[in-house]
C-alpha atoms as a PDB file:
ATOM      1  CA  GLN A   1      -0.186   0.102   0.236  1.00  0.00           C
ATOM      2  CA  VAL A   2       0.927   3.129  -1.235  1.00  0.00           C
ATOM      3  CA  GLN A   3       0.213   6.878   0.415  1.00  0.00           C
ATOM      4  CA  LEU A   4       0.323  10.020  -1.666  1.00  0.00           C
ATOM      5  CA  VAL A   5       0.306  13.009   0.347  1.00  0.00           C
ATOM      6  CA  GLU A   6      -0.507  16.764  -1.281  1.00  0.00           C
ATOM      7  CA  SER A   7       0.540  19.879  -0.544  1.00  0.00           C
ATOM      8  CA  GLY A   8       0.947  23.229  -1.802  1.00  0.00           C
ATOM      9  CA  GLY A   9      -2.573  24.427  -2.920  1.00  0.00           C
ATOM     10  CA  GLY A  10      -3.979  27.673  -1.867  1.00  0.00           C
ATOM     11  CA  LEU A  11      -5.517  31.020  -3.263  1.00  0.00           C
ATOM     12  CA  VAL A  12      -3.740  33.345  -5.461  1.00  0.00           C
ATOM     13  CA  GLN A  13      -5.025  35.651  -8.028  1.00  0.00           C
ATOM     14  CA  PRO A  14      -5.031  35.074 -11.931  1.00  0.00           C
ATOM     15  CA  GLY A  15      -2.071  35.422 -13.913  1.00  0.00           C
ATOM     16  CA  GLY A  16      -0.003  34.064  -9.958  1.00  0.00           C
ATOM     17  CA  SER A  17       2.138  30.887  -9.470  1.00  0.00           C
ATOM     18  CA  LEU A  18       1.600  27.541  -7.548  1.00  0.00           C
ATOM     19  CA  THR A  19       3.729  24.768  -7.643  1.00  0.00           C
ATOM     20  CA  LEU A  20       1.669  20.971  -5.987  1.00  0.00           C
ATOM     21  CA  SER A  21       4.013  19.034  -4.128  1.00  0.00           C
ATOM     22  CA  CYS A  22       3.489  14.860  -3.713  1.00  0.00           C
ATOM     23  CA  VAL A  23       4.931  13.075  -1.431  1.00  0.00           C
ATOM     24  CA  ALA A  24       4.595   8.990  -1.513  1.00  0.00           C
ATOM     25  CA  SER A  25       5.327   6.985   1.518  1.00  0.00           C
ATOM     26  CA  GLY A  26       7.443   4.213  -0.964  1.00  0.00           C
ATOM     27  CA  SER A  27       9.422   4.584  -4.019  1.00  0.00           C
ATOM     28  CA  ILE A  28       7.627   5.711  -7.460  1.00  0.00           C
ATOM     29  CA  ASP A  29      10.155   5.015  -9.002  1.00  0.00           C
ATOM     30  CA  SER A  30       8.447   1.376  -9.513  1.00  0.00           C
ATOM     31  CA  PHE A  31       4.565   3.031 -11.371  1.00  0.00           C
ATOM     32  CA  ASP A  32       4.536   3.245 -14.500  1.00  0.00           C
ATOM     33  CA  VAL A  33       3.181   6.447 -14.249  1.00  0.00           C
ATOM     34  CA  MET A  34       2.067   9.189 -12.322  1.00  0.00           C
ATOM     35  CA  GLY A  35      -0.589  11.605 -12.861  1.00  0.00           C
ATOM     36  CA  TRP A  36      -2.170  15.114 -11.918  1.00  0.00           C
ATOM     37  CA  TYR A  37      -6.303  15.107 -11.714  1.00  0.00           C
ATOM     38  CA  ARG A  38      -8.193  17.854 -10.671  1.00  0.00           C
ATOM     39  CA  GLN A  39     -12.350  17.812 -10.501  1.00  0.00           C
ATOM     40  CA  ALA A  40     -13.664  21.462 -10.139  1.00  0.00           C
ATOM     41  CA  PRO A  41     -17.050  22.184  -8.427  1.00  0.00           C
ATOM     42  CA  GLY A  42     -20.035  20.181 -10.307  1.00  0.00           C
ATOM     43  CA  ARG A  43     -17.509  18.754 -13.233  1.00  0.00           C
ATOM     44  CA  GLU A  44     -16.044  15.550 -13.291  1.00  0.00           C
ATOM     45  CA  ARG A  45     -12.230  14.411 -12.341  1.00  0.00           C
ATOM     46  CA  GLU A  46     -10.607  15.469 -15.055  1.00  0.00           C
ATOM     47  CA  LEU A  47      -6.808  14.294 -16.211  1.00  0.00           C
ATOM     48  CA  VAL A  48      -4.167  17.273 -16.066  1.00  0.00           C
ATOM     49  CA  ALA A  49      -0.814  15.816 -16.665  1.00  0.00           C
ATOM     50  CA  THR A  50       0.838  12.322 -16.812  1.00  0.00           C
ATOM     51  CA  ILE A  51       4.683  11.606 -16.352  1.00  0.00           C
ATOM     52  CA  SER A  52       6.869   8.288 -17.110  1.00  0.00           C
ATOM     53  CA  ASN A  53       8.595   6.074 -15.056  1.00  0.00           C
ATOM     54  CA  ALA A  54      11.159   7.741 -17.783  1.00  0.00           C
ATOM     55  CA  GLY A  55      10.879  10.945 -17.285  1.00  0.00           C
ATOM     56  CA  SER A  56       7.802  11.704 -20.908  1.00  0.00           C
ATOM     57  CA  THR A  57       5.502  14.190 -19.484  1.00  0.00           C
ATOM     58  CA  SER A  58       1.742  15.299 -21.309  1.00  0.00           C
ATOM     59  CA  TYR A  59      -0.595  17.523 -20.190  1.00  0.00           C
ATOM     60  CA  VAL A  60      -4.547  18.470 -21.318  1.00  0.00           C
ATOM     61  CA  ASP A  61      -4.619  20.939 -24.102  1.00  0.00           C
ATOM     62  CA  SER A  62      -6.384  23.057 -21.478  1.00  0.00           C
ATOM     63  CA  VAL A  63      -3.084  23.212 -19.451  1.00  0.00           C
ATOM     64  CA  LYS A  64      -0.011  23.108 -22.505  1.00  0.00           C
ATOM     65  CA  GLY A  65       2.445  26.072 -21.571  1.00  0.00           C
ATOM     66  CA  ARG A  66       1.191  26.773 -18.277  1.00  0.00           C
ATOM     67  CA  PHE A  67       1.931  23.640 -15.943  1.00  0.00           C
ATOM     68  CA  THR A  68       5.160  22.117 -15.903  1.00  0.00           C
ATOM     69  CA  PHE A  69       5.433  17.827 -13.959  1.00  0.00           C
ATOM     70  CA  SER A  70       8.721  17.212 -12.327  1.00  0.00           C
ATOM     71  CA  ARG A  71      10.017  14.178 -10.442  1.00  0.00           C
ATOM     72  CA  ASP A  72      12.721  13.460  -7.954  1.00  0.00           C
ATOM     73  CA  ASN A  73      12.321   9.620  -7.544  1.00  0.00           C
ATOM     74  CA  ALA A  74      14.656  10.098  -4.797  1.00  0.00           C
ATOM     75  CA  LYS A  75      12.293  12.304  -2.777  1.00  0.00           C
ATOM     76  CA  LYS A  76       9.926  10.042  -3.738  1.00  0.00           C
ATOM     77  CA  THR A  77       8.321  13.071  -4.796  1.00  0.00           C
ATOM     78  CA  VAL A  78       5.757  14.680  -7.817  1.00  0.00           C
ATOM     79  CA  TYR A  79       5.250  18.242  -8.247  1.00  0.00           C
ATOM     80  CA  LEU A  80       3.368  20.163 -11.043  1.00  0.00           C
ATOM     81  CA  GLN A  81       4.320  23.693 -11.397  1.00  0.00           C
ATOM     82  CA  MET A  82       1.085  26.000 -12.528  1.00  0.00           C
ATOM     83  CA  ASN A  83       1.450  29.470 -13.925  1.00  0.00           C
ATOM     84  CA  ASN A  84      -0.102  31.983 -15.044  1.00  0.00           C
ATOM     85  CA  LEU A  85      -3.019  30.311 -13.527  1.00  0.00           C
ATOM     86  CA  LYS A  86      -6.733  30.989 -14.275  1.00  0.00           C
ATOM     87  CA  PRO A  87      -9.781  31.481 -12.502  1.00  0.00           C
ATOM     88  CA  GLU A  88     -10.831  28.152 -14.997  1.00  0.00           C
ATOM     89  CA  ASP A  89      -8.289  26.596 -12.726  1.00  0.00           C
ATOM     90  CA  THR A  90      -9.826  25.841  -9.473  1.00  0.00           C
ATOM     91  CA  ALA A  91     -10.203  22.490  -8.430  1.00  0.00           C
ATOM     92  CA  VAL A  92      -9.075  19.496  -6.083  1.00  0.00           C
ATOM     93  CA  TYR A  93      -5.995  18.505  -7.290  1.00  0.00           C
ATOM     94  CA  TYR A  94      -5.725  14.990  -6.524  1.00  0.00           C
ATOM     95  CA  CYS A  95      -2.209  13.346  -6.831  1.00  0.00           C
ATOM     96  CA  ALA A  96      -2.225   9.340  -8.409  1.00  0.00           C
ATOM     97  CA  ALA A  97      -0.352   6.707  -9.725  1.00  0.00           C
ATOM     98  CA  HIS A  98      -0.614   4.187 -12.092  1.00  0.00           C
ATOM     99  CA  TRP A  99       0.901   0.632 -12.192  1.00  0.00           C
ATOM    100  CA  GLN A 100       0.261   0.091 -16.171  1.00  0.00           C
ATOM    101  CA  ARG A 101       0.941   2.302 -18.860  1.00  0.00           C
ATOM    102  CA  MET A 102      -1.604   4.642 -19.904  1.00  0.00           C
ATOM    103  CA  PRO A 103      -5.040   4.634 -20.165  1.00  0.00           C
ATOM    104  CA  SER A 104      -5.103   2.698 -17.176  1.00  0.00           C
ATOM    105  CA  ASP A 105      -7.096   3.637 -14.115  1.00  0.00           C
ATOM    106  CA  PRO A 106      -4.835   4.843 -11.162  1.00  0.00           C
ATOM    107  CA  ASP A 107      -4.073   2.357  -7.980  1.00  0.00           C
ATOM    108  CA  TYR A 108      -3.297   4.889  -5.496  1.00  0.00           C
ATOM    109  CA  TRP A 109      -5.118   8.455  -4.728  1.00  0.00           C
ATOM    110  CA  GLY A 110      -4.246  11.018  -2.423  1.00  0.00           C
ATOM    111  CA  GLN A 111      -6.384  13.400  -0.518  1.00  0.00           C
ATOM    112  CA  GLY A 112      -5.965  16.167  -2.924  1.00  0.00           C
ATOM    113  CA  THR A 113      -5.043  19.905  -2.409  1.00  0.00           C
ATOM    114  CA  GLN A 114      -7.956  22.863  -3.298  1.00  0.00           C
ATOM    115  CA  VAL A 115      -6.741  25.974  -5.715  1.00  0.00           C
ATOM    116  CA  THR A 116      -8.339  28.463  -6.203  1.00  0.00           C
ATOM    117  CA  VAL A 117      -8.339  30.790  -8.495  1.00  0.00           C
ATOM    118  CA  SER A 118      -9.456  34.258  -7.534  1.00  0.00           C
ATOM    119  CA  ASN A 119      -9.403  38.076  -6.980  1.00  0.00           C
END
């Protein structure tokens, strides 16, 4: 069993930046994929970004060029750098770990961290 703990959420003005972190209780390099998902009020949870154990990244179109997903296996941590944040980025952000390549359902979830983009 692996536990994932997110941090770094908060309130930020439009155009601002935040960096989310997700620390795992065990090794993350055994997972094929780590992912960041988000769920806005009244909407379904969506996949925002993924990073493979080889370091390849992918992003949903709405965040391309603004978000950067990175990993530090030694620290058992993944990061989501979010720049030029928009009100529509407001959501609870969840870290997830996948044993298998995408497309696949996550095997582990974090508890989520709230990101609010507002004046």
